[in-house]
Amino acid sequence: MLRTITIENHVQIQGLLVRTLDNGKVVVSVGDREFEGKPVARHN
């Protein structure tokens, strides 16, 4: 599943969900790298 995260004030990354951490952050994979950040709220 694709997820978008914020890693800095104005930097967002979209990638494949790897895992959700206990602190509420998520880890996404982009290519061969993984990034940790706060999930962006979904809008329906």
N, C-alpha and C. Protein backbone atom coordinates (compact mmCIF):
# COMPACT_ATOMS: atom_id res chain seq x y z
N MET A 1 0.83 -1.16 0.00
CA MET A 1 0.00 0.00 0.00
C MET A 1 0.89 1.24 0.00
N LEU A 2 0.58 2.22 -0.83
CA LEU A 2 1.33 3.47 -0.86
C LEU A 2 0.92 4.34 0.31
N ARG A 3 1.90 4.97 0.92
CA ARG A 3 1.65 5.90 2.02
C ARG A 3 2.51 7.13 1.81
N THR A 4 2.02 8.27 2.27
CA THR A 4 2.76 9.52 2.21
C THR A 4 3.12 9.91 3.63
N ILE A 5 4.38 10.29 3.83
CA ILE A 5 4.84 10.71 5.15
C ILE A 5 5.50 12.08 5.05
N THR A 6 5.55 12.76 6.18
CA THR A 6 6.28 14.02 6.30
C THR A 6 7.52 13.76 7.12
N ILE A 7 8.69 14.12 6.58
CA ILE A 7 9.93 13.90 7.32
C ILE A 7 10.53 15.21 7.82
N GLU A 8 10.11 16.33 7.27
CA GLU A 8 10.51 17.66 7.73
C GLU A 8 9.30 18.56 7.53
N ASN A 9 9.43 19.82 7.88
CA ASN A 9 8.29 20.73 7.77
C ASN A 9 7.65 20.75 6.38
N HIS A 10 8.44 20.76 5.34
CA HIS A 10 7.90 20.88 3.99
C HIS A 10 8.39 19.78 3.06
N VAL A 11 8.79 18.65 3.61
CA VAL A 11 9.29 17.54 2.80
C VAL A 11 8.40 16.33 3.02
N GLN A 12 7.78 15.86 1.94
CA GLN A 12 6.94 14.68 2.00
C GLN A 12 7.50 13.62 1.06
N ILE A 13 7.33 12.37 1.45
CA ILE A 13 7.81 11.24 0.66
C ILE A 13 6.67 10.24 0.52
N GLN A 14 6.52 9.69 -0.67
CA GLN A 14 5.50 8.67 -0.90
C GLN A 14 6.21 7.38 -1.28
N GLY A 15 5.82 6.29 -0.61
CA GLY A 15 6.44 5.00 -0.89
C GLY A 15 5.59 3.87 -0.37
N LEU A 16 6.12 2.67 -0.49
CA LEU A 16 5.41 1.48 -0.02
C LEU A 16 5.53 1.35 1.48
N LEU A 17 4.41 1.10 2.15
CA LEU A 17 4.40 0.93 3.59
C LEU A 17 5.21 -0.29 3.99
N VAL A 18 6.16 -0.11 4.90
CA VAL A 18 6.98 -1.20 5.41
C VAL A 18 6.45 -1.64 6.77
N ARG A 19 6.28 -0.67 7.68
CA ARG A 19 5.77 -0.99 9.02
C ARG A 19 5.31 0.29 9.71
N THR A 20 4.47 0.09 10.73
CA THR A 20 4.03 1.18 11.60
C THR A 20 4.74 1.02 12.94
N LEU A 21 5.27 2.11 13.45
CA LEU A 21 6.03 2.07 14.70
C LEU A 21 5.12 2.38 15.89
N ASP A 22 5.55 1.99 17.08
CA ASP A 22 4.76 2.21 18.29
C ASP A 22 4.53 3.68 18.59
N ASN A 23 5.42 4.56 18.11
CA ASN A 23 5.29 5.99 18.38
C ASN A 23 4.37 6.70 17.39
N GLY A 24 3.70 5.94 16.50
CA GLY A 24 2.75 6.52 15.55
C GLY A 24 3.35 6.85 14.19
N LYS A 25 4.68 6.82 14.10
CA LYS A 25 5.32 7.07 12.81
C LYS A 25 5.26 5.82 11.95
N VAL A 26 5.50 5.99 10.65
CA VAL A 26 5.52 4.85 9.75
C VAL A 26 6.82 4.86 8.96
N VAL A 27 7.17 3.70 8.43
CA VAL A 27 8.36 3.54 7.61
C VAL A 27 7.89 3.17 6.20
N VAL A 28 8.38 3.90 5.21
CA VAL A 28 8.07 3.61 3.81
C VAL A 28 9.35 3.30 3.06
N SER A 29 9.20 2.52 2.00
CA SER A 29 10.32 2.12 1.17
C SER A 29 10.21 2.80 -0.20
N VAL A 30 11.33 3.40 -0.62
CA VAL A 30 11.42 4.02 -1.95
C VAL A 30 12.70 3.49 -2.58
N GLY A 31 12.54 2.62 -3.56
CA GLY A 31 13.71 1.99 -4.15
C GLY A 31 14.39 1.12 -3.13
N ASP A 32 15.68 1.36 -2.89
CA ASP A 32 16.42 0.56 -1.90
C ASP A 32 16.61 1.30 -0.58
N ARG A 33 15.85 2.39 -0.38
CA ARG A 33 15.96 3.18 0.86
C ARG A 33 14.67 3.14 1.65
N GLU A 34 14.78 3.30 2.96
CA GLU A 34 13.62 3.39 3.83
C GLU A 34 13.64 4.72 4.56
N PHE A 35 12.45 5.31 4.73
CA PHE A 35 12.31 6.60 5.39
C PHE A 35 11.27 6.47 6.50
N GLU A 36 11.51 7.17 7.61
CA GLU A 36 10.60 7.18 8.75
C GLU A 36 10.04 8.57 8.91
N GLY A 37 8.72 8.67 9.12
CA GLY A 37 8.12 9.98 9.33
C GLY A 37 6.69 9.87 9.79
N LYS A 38 6.07 11.03 9.95
CA LYS A 38 4.68 11.09 10.39
C LYS A 38 3.76 10.88 9.19
N PRO A 39 2.73 10.04 9.31
CA PRO A 39 1.81 9.83 8.20
C PRO A 39 0.99 11.08 7.90
N VAL A 40 0.75 11.31 6.63
CA VAL A 40 -0.10 12.41 6.19
C VAL A 40 -1.54 11.93 6.27
N ALA A 41 -2.42 12.78 6.79
CA ALA A 41 -3.84 12.40 6.94
C ALA A 41 -4.47 12.14 5.58
N ARG A 42 -5.29 11.11 5.53
CA ARG A 42 -5.99 10.76 4.29
C ARG A 42 -7.26 11.57 4.16
N HIS A 43 -7.59 11.95 2.94
CA HIS A 43 -8.84 12.68 2.65
C HIS A 43 -9.69 11.82 1.74
N ASN A 44 -10.93 11.59 2.15
CA ASN A 44 -11.83 10.77 1.33
C ASN A 44 -12.74 11.63 0.49
